[in-house]
C-alpha atoms as a PDB file:
ATOM      1  CA  UNK A   1     -27.769 -19.659  13.413  1.00  0.00           C
ATOM      2  CA  UNK A   2     -27.438 -21.954  10.232  1.00  0.00           C
ATOM      3  CA  UNK A   3     -29.751 -21.563   7.158  1.00  0.00           C
ATOM      4  CA  UNK A   4     -30.343 -23.749   4.639  1.00  0.00           C
ATOM      5  CA  UNK A   5     -29.388 -23.453   0.549  1.00  0.00           C
ATOM      6  CA  UNK A   6     -30.574 -25.352  -2.172  1.00  0.00           C
ATOM      7  CA  UNK A   7     -27.708 -25.672  -4.959  1.00  0.00           C
ATOM      8  CA  UNK A   8     -27.610 -27.956  -8.056  1.00  0.00           C
ATOM      9  CA  UNK A   9     -25.686 -31.623  -7.358  1.00  0.00           C
ATOM     10  CA  UNK A  10     -23.022 -30.701  -9.850  1.00  0.00           C
ATOM     11  CA  UNK A  11     -22.472 -27.582  -8.018  1.00  0.00           C
ATOM     12  CA  UNK A  12     -21.792 -29.631  -4.638  1.00  0.00           C
ATOM     13  CA  UNK A  13     -19.551 -31.668  -6.623  1.00  0.00           C
ATOM     14  CA  UNK A  14     -17.889 -28.850  -7.675  1.00  0.00           C
ATOM     15  CA  UNK A  15     -17.279 -27.571  -4.159  1.00  0.00           C
ATOM     16  CA  UNK A  16     -16.413 -31.356  -2.845  1.00  0.00           C
ATOM     17  CA  UNK A  17     -13.287 -31.275  -5.463  1.00  0.00           C
ATOM     18  CA  UNK A  18     -11.891 -27.876  -4.639  1.00  0.00           C
ATOM     19  CA  UNK A  19     -11.767 -28.993  -1.073  1.00  0.00           C
ATOM     20  CA  UNK A  20      -8.595 -28.074   0.831  1.00  0.00           C
ATOM     21  CA  UNK A  21      -8.684 -30.780   3.308  1.00  0.00           C
ATOM     22  CA  UNK A  22     -11.264 -33.566   3.351  1.00  0.00           C
ATOM     23  CA  UNK A  23     -13.071 -32.370   6.751  1.00  0.00           C
ATOM     24  CA  UNK A  24     -13.549 -28.784   5.445  1.00  0.00           C
ATOM     25  CA  UNK A  25     -16.775 -27.400   5.224  1.00  0.00           C
ATOM     26  CA  UNK A  26     -18.745 -25.745   2.477  1.00  0.00           C
ATOM     27  CA  UNK A  27     -19.397 -22.914   4.801  1.00  0.00           C
ATOM     28  CA  UNK A  28     -15.636 -22.579   5.107  1.00  0.00           C
ATOM     29  CA  UNK A  29     -14.873 -23.072   1.589  1.00  0.00           C
ATOM     30  CA  UNK A  30     -17.466 -20.326   0.518  1.00  0.00           C
ATOM     31  CA  UNK A  31     -16.348 -18.056   3.361  1.00  0.00           C
ATOM     32  CA  UNK A  32     -12.993 -18.536   1.627  1.00  0.00           C
ATOM     33  CA  UNK A  33     -14.083 -17.920  -1.637  1.00  0.00           C
ATOM     34  CA  UNK A  34     -16.182 -14.571  -0.624  1.00  0.00           C
ATOM     35  CA  UNK A  35     -12.559 -13.075   0.877  1.00  0.00           C
ATOM     36  CA  UNK A  36     -10.896 -14.101  -2.394  1.00  0.00           C
ATOM     37  CA  UNK A  37     -13.727 -12.455  -4.332  1.00  0.00           C
ATOM     38  CA  UNK A  38     -13.602  -9.391  -2.727  1.00  0.00           C
ATOM     39  CA  UNK A  39      -9.755  -9.490  -2.978  1.00  0.00           C
ATOM     40  CA  UNK A  40      -9.623  -9.674  -6.760  1.00  0.00           C
ATOM     41  CA  UNK A  41     -12.620  -7.228  -7.005  1.00  0.00           C
ATOM     42  CA  UNK A  42     -10.435  -4.645  -5.092  1.00  0.00           C
ATOM     43  CA  UNK A  43      -7.416  -5.332  -7.029  1.00  0.00           C
ATOM     44  CA  UNK A  44      -9.412  -4.963  -9.960  1.00  0.00           C
ATOM     45  CA  UNK A  45     -10.502  -1.848  -8.837  1.00  0.00           C
ATOM     46  CA  UNK A  46      -7.102  -0.516  -8.471  1.00  0.00           C
ATOM     47  CA  UNK A  47      -5.716  -1.690 -11.645  1.00  0.00           C
ATOM     48  CA  UNK A  48      -8.767   0.297 -13.451  1.00  0.00           C
ATOM     49  CA  UNK A  49      -7.801   3.310 -11.445  1.00  0.00           C
ATOM     50  CA  UNK A  50      -4.060   3.149 -12.193  1.00  0.00           C
ATOM     51  CA  UNK A  51      -5.046   2.379 -15.969  1.00  0.00           C
ATOM     52  CA  UNK A  52      -7.211   5.662 -16.029  1.00  0.00           C
ATOM     53  CA  UNK A  53      -4.605   7.697 -14.474  1.00  0.00           C
ATOM     54  CA  UNK A  54      -2.114   6.428 -17.221  1.00  0.00           C
ATOM     55  CA  UNK A  55      -4.400   7.151 -19.915  1.00  0.00           C
ATOM     56  CA  UNK A  56      -4.757  10.730 -19.358  1.00  0.00           C
ATOM     57  CA  UNK A  57      -1.088  10.872 -18.930  1.00  0.00           C
ATOM     58  CA  UNK A  58      -0.140   8.984 -22.219  1.00  0.00           C
ATOM     59  CA  UNK A  59      -2.713  11.099 -24.149  1.00  0.00           C
ATOM     60  CA  UNK A  60      -0.616  14.129 -22.797  1.00  0.00           C
ATOM     61  CA  UNK A  61       2.679  12.864 -24.270  1.00  0.00           C
ATOM     62  CA  UNK A  62       1.331  11.779 -27.535  1.00  0.00           C
ATOM     63  CA  UNK A  63      -0.915  14.187 -28.189  1.00  0.00           C
ATOM     64  CA  UNK A  64       2.057  17.546 -28.596  1.00  0.00           C
ATOM     65  CA  UNK A  65       3.278  19.723 -31.438  1.00  0.00           C
ATOM     66  CA  UNK A  66       6.340  18.828 -31.246  1.00  0.00           C
ATOM     67  CA  UNK A  67       5.931  14.997 -31.952  1.00  0.00           C
ATOM     68  CA  UNK A  68       3.454  16.363 -34.699  1.00  0.00           C
ATOM     69  CA  UNK A  69       5.933  18.507 -36.360  1.00  0.00           C
ATOM     70  CA  UNK A  70       8.314  15.736 -37.123  1.00  0.00           C
ATOM     71  CA  UNK A  71       5.656  13.741 -38.772  1.00  0.00           C
ATOM     72  CA  UNK A  72       5.776  16.660 -41.787  1.00  0.00           C
ATOM     73  CA  UNK A  73       9.600  17.155 -41.614  1.00  0.00           C
END
């Protein structure tokens, strides 16, 4: 089943310019862009998760009494 969507001519030209081969359809191109977007978003969520875990551990390491004692030595 097909549907019609309206896009600006500049968007159509941009899509045409990023085709991997001349006869690649806009449908194929948009499907690939969706897959890529989902992978990037998933990767970013993973990176944010790691950052939160590291942030807690770094605060644990930096906020300790032994290090603070050296500041006044």
